[in-house]
């Protein structure tokens, strides 16, 4: 029995040492990942700023206000687009839901009659 107890204690000590080492490695990996993420973010922001500034000639300079051209009002939608708007979509959804409720009620009556 004494040999068995020593083996169990040795295994527990090895497991504890492994867990400590794993925790230390985990902390190091986490720190390196944070550092890498910060560097990448800084790099991406710098690239985005550079791209934004050199997007078109004269970028950053004041541009005179343009006068509006074209019709004052947009024309009414034609075809299917004329039928689709938030109100009709809500009505359509309500109709579908009501039909689904009626069907569910019928189905539950049939299953309880069996």
N, C-alpha and C. Protein backbone atom coordinates (compact mmCIF):
# COMPACT_ATOMS: atom_id res chain seq x y z
N UNK A 1 0.81 -1.20 0.00
CA UNK A 1 0.00 0.00 0.00
C UNK A 1 0.85 1.26 0.00
N UNK A 2 2.00 1.22 0.67
CA UNK A 2 2.85 2.40 0.78
C UNK A 2 3.36 2.82 -0.60
N UNK A 3 3.68 1.85 -1.47
CA UNK A 3 4.17 2.16 -2.81
C UNK A 3 3.06 2.81 -3.64
N UNK A 4 1.85 2.29 -3.44
CA UNK A 4 0.72 2.86 -4.17
C UNK A 4 0.48 4.32 -3.77
N UNK A 5 0.61 4.62 -2.49
CA UNK A 5 0.42 5.98 -1.97
C UNK A 5 1.46 6.93 -2.52
N UNK A 6 2.71 6.44 -2.65
CA UNK A 6 3.77 7.29 -3.20
C UNK A 6 3.52 7.60 -4.67
N UNK A 7 3.03 6.58 -5.40
CA UNK A 7 2.74 6.79 -6.82
C UNK A 7 1.63 7.81 -7.01
N UNK A 8 0.61 7.72 -6.18
CA UNK A 8 -0.52 8.66 -6.26
C UNK A 8 -0.04 10.08 -5.95
N UNK A 9 0.80 10.19 -4.89
CA UNK A 9 1.33 11.51 -4.53
C UNK A 9 2.21 12.06 -5.65
N UNK A 10 3.03 11.19 -6.24
CA UNK A 10 3.92 11.60 -7.33
C UNK A 10 3.10 12.07 -8.54
N UNK A 11 2.04 11.33 -8.87
CA UNK A 11 1.18 11.70 -10.00
C UNK A 11 0.50 13.04 -9.74
N UNK A 12 0.04 13.24 -8.50
CA UNK A 12 -0.62 14.51 -8.16
C UNK A 12 0.37 15.66 -8.26
N UNK A 13 1.61 15.44 -7.81
CA UNK A 13 2.63 16.49 -7.86
C UNK A 13 2.95 16.83 -9.32
N UNK A 14 3.04 15.79 -10.17
CA UNK A 14 3.31 16.02 -11.59
C UNK A 14 2.16 16.81 -12.23
N UNK A 15 0.93 16.44 -11.89
CA UNK A 15 -0.24 17.12 -12.45
C UNK A 15 -0.26 18.58 -12.01
N UNK A 16 0.09 18.83 -10.75
CA UNK A 16 0.10 20.21 -10.25
C UNK A 16 1.18 21.03 -10.95
N UNK A 17 2.36 20.42 -11.14
CA UNK A 17 3.45 21.12 -11.83
C UNK A 17 3.04 21.43 -13.28
N UNK A 18 2.39 20.46 -13.92
CA UNK A 18 1.93 20.66 -15.29
C UNK A 18 0.92 21.80 -15.36
N UNK A 19 -0.03 21.84 -14.42
CA UNK A 19 -1.04 22.89 -14.40
C UNK A 19 -0.42 24.26 -14.18
N UNK A 20 0.61 24.32 -13.31
CA UNK A 20 1.30 25.61 -13.08
C UNK A 20 1.99 26.07 -14.36
N UNK A 21 2.69 25.14 -15.02
CA UNK A 21 3.39 25.49 -16.26
C UNK A 21 2.39 25.92 -17.33
N UNK A 22 1.28 25.21 -17.43
CA UNK A 22 0.24 25.54 -18.41
C UNK A 22 -0.33 26.93 -18.15
N UNK A 23 -0.57 27.25 -16.89
CA UNK A 23 -1.11 28.57 -16.54
C UNK A 23 -0.11 29.67 -16.92
N UNK A 24 1.18 29.41 -16.68
CA UNK A 24 2.21 30.39 -17.01
C UNK A 24 2.28 30.61 -18.53
N UNK A 25 2.23 29.51 -19.29
CA UNK A 25 2.27 29.61 -20.75
C UNK A 25 1.01 30.33 -21.25
N UNK A 26 -0.13 30.02 -20.65
CA UNK A 26 -1.39 30.66 -21.04
C UNK A 26 -1.31 32.17 -20.85
N UNK A 27 -0.79 32.59 -19.72
CA UNK A 27 -0.67 34.02 -19.46
C UNK A 27 0.25 34.68 -20.49
N UNK A 28 1.34 34.01 -20.82
CA UNK A 28 2.29 34.57 -21.80
C UNK A 28 1.65 34.67 -23.19
N UNK A 29 0.95 33.61 -23.59
CA UNK A 29 0.28 33.62 -24.89
C UNK A 29 -0.76 34.73 -24.93
N UNK A 30 -1.50 34.90 -23.86
CA UNK A 30 -2.52 35.94 -23.78
C UNK A 30 -1.89 37.32 -23.92
N UNK A 31 -0.78 37.55 -23.23
CA UNK A 31 -0.11 38.85 -23.30
C UNK A 31 0.39 39.11 -24.71
N UNK A 32 0.99 38.10 -25.34
CA UNK A 32 1.48 38.27 -26.71
C UNK A 32 0.34 38.52 -27.69
N UNK A 33 -0.79 37.85 -27.49
CA UNK A 33 -1.95 38.04 -28.37
C UNK A 33 -2.48 39.47 -28.25
N UNK A 34 -2.56 39.98 -27.01
CA UNK A 34 -3.02 41.36 -26.81
C UNK A 34 -2.08 42.35 -27.49
N UNK A 35 -0.78 42.12 -27.33
CA UNK A 35 0.21 43.01 -27.93
C UNK A 35 0.10 42.98 -29.46
N UNK A 36 -0.04 41.79 -30.02
CA UNK A 36 -0.16 41.63 -31.47
C UNK A 36 -1.43 42.31 -31.98
N UNK A 37 -2.54 42.14 -31.26
CA UNK A 37 -3.81 42.75 -31.67
C UNK A 37 -3.69 44.27 -31.66
N UNK A 38 -3.03 44.82 -30.66
CA UNK A 38 -2.85 46.27 -30.57
C UNK A 38 -2.02 46.77 -31.74
N UNK A 39 -0.93 46.04 -32.05
CA UNK A 39 -0.08 46.45 -33.17
C UNK A 39 -0.84 46.39 -34.49
N UNK A 40 -1.59 45.31 -34.71
CA UNK A 40 -2.35 45.17 -35.95
C UNK A 40 -3.40 46.27 -36.08
N UNK A 41 -4.07 46.58 -34.98
CA UNK A 41 -5.11 47.62 -34.99
C UNK A 41 -4.49 48.97 -35.35
N UNK A 42 -3.35 49.28 -34.73
CA UNK A 42 -2.67 50.53 -35.02
C UNK A 42 -2.28 50.60 -36.49
N UNK A 43 -1.76 49.49 -37.00
CA UNK A 43 -1.35 49.43 -38.40
C UNK A 43 -2.54 49.63 -39.34
N UNK A 44 -3.67 48.95 -39.05
CA UNK A 44 -4.87 49.08 -39.88
C UNK A 44 -5.39 50.51 -39.87
N UNK A 45 -5.41 51.14 -38.69
CA UNK A 45 -5.89 52.52 -38.61
C UNK A 45 -4.99 53.46 -39.41
N UNK A 46 -3.68 53.25 -39.34
CA UNK A 46 -2.75 54.10 -40.10
C UNK A 46 -2.98 53.92 -41.59
N UNK A 47 -3.18 52.68 -42.04
CA UNK A 47 -3.42 52.42 -43.46
C UNK A 47 -4.74 53.05 -43.90
N UNK A 48 -5.77 52.98 -43.05
CA UNK A 48 -7.07 53.56 -43.39
C UNK A 48 -6.97 55.07 -43.51
N UNK A 49 -6.22 55.69 -42.58
CA UNK A 49 -6.05 57.15 -42.64
C UNK A 49 -5.32 57.55 -43.91
N UNK A 50 -4.27 56.81 -44.25
CA UNK A 50 -3.49 57.12 -45.45
C UNK A 50 -4.35 56.97 -46.70
N UNK A 51 -5.16 55.93 -46.75
CA UNK A 51 -6.02 55.70 -47.91
C UNK A 51 -7.07 56.79 -48.01
N UNK A 52 -7.60 57.22 -46.89
CA UNK A 52 -8.65 58.25 -46.89
C UNK A 52 -8.09 59.59 -47.37
N UNK A 53 -6.87 59.90 -46.95
CA UNK A 53 -6.28 61.19 -47.31
C UNK A 53 -5.89 61.24 -48.78
N UNK A 54 -5.47 60.12 -49.35
CA UNK A 54 -5.01 60.14 -50.73
C UNK A 54 -6.06 59.56 -51.68
N UNK A 55 -7.30 59.58 -51.27
CA UNK A 55 -8.37 58.98 -52.06
C UNK A 55 -8.59 59.70 -53.38
N UNK A 56 -8.56 61.02 -53.38
CA UNK A 56 -8.81 61.78 -54.60
C UNK A 56 -7.99 63.06 -54.55
N UNK A 57 -7.68 63.64 -55.71
CA UNK A 57 -6.87 64.87 -55.73
C UNK A 57 -7.57 65.99 -54.96
N UNK A 58 -6.81 66.70 -54.18
CA UNK A 58 -7.36 67.81 -53.43
C UNK A 58 -8.11 67.37 -52.19
N UNK A 59 -7.89 66.12 -51.77
CA UNK A 59 -8.58 65.62 -50.58
C UNK A 59 -8.21 66.49 -49.39
N UNK A 60 -9.17 66.76 -48.56
CA UNK A 60 -8.93 67.58 -47.38
C UNK A 60 -9.19 69.06 -47.63
N UNK A 61 -9.23 69.47 -48.90
CA UNK A 61 -9.51 70.87 -49.21
C UNK A 61 -11.02 71.09 -49.20
N UNK A 62 -11.42 72.32 -49.02
CA UNK A 62 -12.85 72.63 -49.02
C UNK A 62 -13.41 72.50 -50.43
N UNK A 63 -14.55 71.89 -50.55
CA UNK A 63 -15.20 71.72 -51.85
C UNK A 63 -16.41 72.64 -51.86
N UNK A 64 -16.60 73.44 -52.92
CA UNK A 64 -17.77 74.33 -52.96
C UNK A 64 -19.05 73.51 -52.98
N UNK A 65 -20.08 74.05 -52.35
CA UNK A 65 -21.36 73.36 -52.29
C UNK A 65 -21.97 73.27 -53.68
N UNK A 66 -22.44 72.09 -54.02
CA UNK A 66 -23.00 71.88 -55.35
C UNK A 66 -24.49 72.18 -55.31
N UNK A 67 -24.99 72.76 -56.41
CA UNK A 67 -26.43 73.02 -56.47
C UNK A 67 -27.14 71.73 -56.85
N UNK A 68 -28.33 71.55 -56.32
CA UNK A 68 -29.09 70.33 -56.57
C UNK A 68 -29.68 70.37 -57.97
N UNK A 69 -29.56 69.24 -58.66
CA UNK A 69 -30.13 69.16 -60.00
C UNK A 69 -31.09 67.99 -60.04
N UNK A 70 -31.98 68.00 -61.01
CA UNK A 70 -32.91 66.89 -61.15
C UNK A 70 -34.28 67.25 -60.63
N UNK A 71 -35.19 66.30 -60.66
CA UNK A 71 -36.57 66.59 -60.25
C UNK A 71 -36.63 66.85 -58.75
N UNK A 72 -37.59 67.67 -58.36
CA UNK A 72 -37.78 68.00 -56.95
C UNK A 72 -38.29 66.81 -56.16
N UNK A 73 -39.23 66.05 -56.77
CA UNK A 73 -39.79 64.89 -56.10
C UNK A 73 -39.42 63.64 -56.87
N UNK A 74 -39.24 62.55 -56.14
CA UNK A 74 -38.95 61.30 -56.83
C UNK A 74 -40.25 60.76 -57.40
N UNK A 75 -40.20 60.10 -58.55
CA UNK A 75 -41.43 59.56 -59.13
C UNK A 75 -41.96 58.41 -58.28
N UNK A 76 -43.26 58.16 -58.42
CA UNK A 76 -43.87 57.06 -57.68
C UNK A 76 -43.29 55.74 -58.15
N UNK A 77 -43.09 54.78 -57.23
CA UNK A 77 -42.58 53.47 -57.65
C UNK A 77 -43.56 52.77 -58.58
N UNK A 78 -43.01 51.97 -59.48
CA UNK A 78 -43.84 51.28 -60.46
C UNK A 78 -43.76 49.78 -60.24
N UNK A 79 -44.76 49.07 -60.72
CA UNK A 79 -44.75 47.60 -60.67
C UNK A 79 -44.84 47.07 -59.25
N UNK A 80 -44.03 46.05 -58.97
CA UNK A 80 -44.06 45.40 -57.66
C UNK A 80 -43.63 46.35 -56.55
N UNK A 81 -42.71 47.27 -56.84
CA UNK A 81 -42.23 48.20 -55.83
C UNK A 81 -43.35 49.10 -55.32
N UNK A 82 -44.35 49.36 -56.15
CA UNK A 82 -45.47 50.20 -55.72
C UNK A 82 -46.29 49.48 -54.66
N UNK A 83 -46.27 48.14 -54.68
CA UNK A 83 -47.07 47.36 -53.74
C UNK A 83 -46.33 47.07 -52.45
N UNK A 84 -45.03 47.26 -52.45
CA UNK A 84 -44.24 46.91 -51.27
C UNK A 84 -43.82 48.17 -50.51
N UNK A 85 -44.37 48.33 -49.34
CA UNK A 85 -43.95 49.39 -48.44
C UNK A 85 -44.15 48.87 -47.02
N UNK A 86 -43.67 49.55 -46.02
CA UNK A 86 -43.76 49.03 -44.65
C UNK A 86 -45.18 48.66 -44.22
N UNK A 87 -46.16 49.44 -44.62
CA UNK A 87 -47.54 49.16 -44.21
C UNK A 87 -48.04 47.86 -44.82
N UNK A 88 -47.84 47.71 -46.14
CA UNK A 88 -48.32 46.49 -46.79
C UNK A 88 -47.53 45.26 -46.32
N UNK A 89 -46.25 45.45 -46.03
CA UNK A 89 -45.46 44.31 -45.53
C UNK A 89 -45.98 43.86 -44.16
N UNK A 90 -46.36 44.81 -43.32
CA UNK A 90 -46.90 44.48 -42.00
C UNK A 90 -48.24 43.77 -42.15
N UNK A 91 -49.08 44.25 -43.06
CA UNK A 91 -50.36 43.60 -43.31
C UNK A 91 -50.15 42.18 -43.82
N UNK A 92 -49.22 42.01 -44.74
CA UNK A 92 -48.93 40.69 -45.30
C UNK A 92 -48.45 39.74 -44.19
N UNK A 93 -47.58 40.23 -43.32
CA UNK A 93 -47.08 39.40 -42.23
C UNK A 93 -48.21 39.00 -41.28
N UNK A 94 -49.11 39.95 -41.00
CA UNK A 94 -50.24 39.65 -40.12
C UNK A 94 -51.16 38.60 -40.71
N UNK A 95 -51.40 38.70 -42.02
CA UNK A 95 -52.26 37.73 -42.70
C UNK A 95 -51.64 36.34 -42.65
N UNK A 96 -50.34 36.26 -42.92
CA UNK A 96 -49.65 34.96 -42.86
C UNK A 96 -49.69 34.37 -41.46
N UNK A 97 -49.49 35.21 -40.46
CA UNK A 97 -49.50 34.73 -39.08
C UNK A 97 -50.88 34.23 -38.69
N UNK A 98 -51.92 34.95 -39.10
CA UNK A 98 -53.29 34.53 -38.78
C UNK A 98 -53.58 33.18 -39.43
N UNK A 99 -53.16 33.01 -40.67
CA UNK A 99 -53.36 31.73 -41.35
C UNK A 99 -52.62 30.61 -40.64
N UNK A 100 -51.41 30.88 -40.19
CA UNK A 100 -50.62 29.87 -39.48
C UNK A 100 -51.30 29.49 -38.16
N UNK A 101 -51.88 30.49 -37.47
CA UNK A 101 -52.59 30.19 -36.21
C UNK A 101 -53.81 29.32 -36.47
N UNK A 102 -54.57 29.66 -37.51
CA UNK A 102 -55.76 28.84 -37.83
C UNK A 102 -55.36 27.41 -38.16
N UNK A 103 -54.29 27.25 -38.94
CA UNK A 103 -53.85 25.90 -39.31
C UNK A 103 -53.38 25.13 -38.08
N UNK A 104 -52.66 25.79 -37.19
CA UNK A 104 -52.18 25.14 -35.97
C UNK A 104 -53.36 24.69 -35.11
N UNK A 105 -54.40 25.53 -35.05
CA UNK A 105 -55.60 25.18 -34.27
C UNK A 105 -56.27 23.95 -34.86
N UNK A 106 -56.39 23.92 -36.21
CA UNK A 106 -56.99 22.74 -36.87
C UNK A 106 -56.15 21.49 -36.62
N UNK A 107 -54.84 21.63 -36.74
CA UNK A 107 -53.96 20.50 -36.54
C UNK A 107 -54.05 19.96 -35.12
N UNK A 108 -54.14 20.86 -34.13
CA UNK A 108 -54.21 20.39 -32.74
C UNK A 108 -55.55 19.68 -32.48
N UNK A 109 -56.63 20.13 -33.13
CA UNK A 109 -57.93 19.45 -32.97
C UNK A 109 -57.87 18.04 -33.57
N UNK A 110 -57.22 17.91 -34.73
CA UNK A 110 -57.10 16.60 -35.37
C UNK A 110 -56.29 15.65 -34.53
N UNK A 111 -55.17 16.11 -33.96
CA UNK A 111 -54.31 15.22 -33.18
C UNK A 111 -54.99 14.81 -31.87
N UNK A 112 -55.81 15.67 -31.29
CA UNK A 112 -56.48 15.32 -30.04
C UNK A 112 -57.67 14.38 -30.30
N UNK A 113 -58.24 14.42 -31.51
CA UNK A 113 -59.37 13.55 -31.86
C UNK A 113 -58.90 12.12 -32.10
N UNK A 114 -57.63 11.93 -32.48
CA UNK A 114 -57.09 10.59 -32.76
C UNK A 114 -56.95 9.74 -31.56
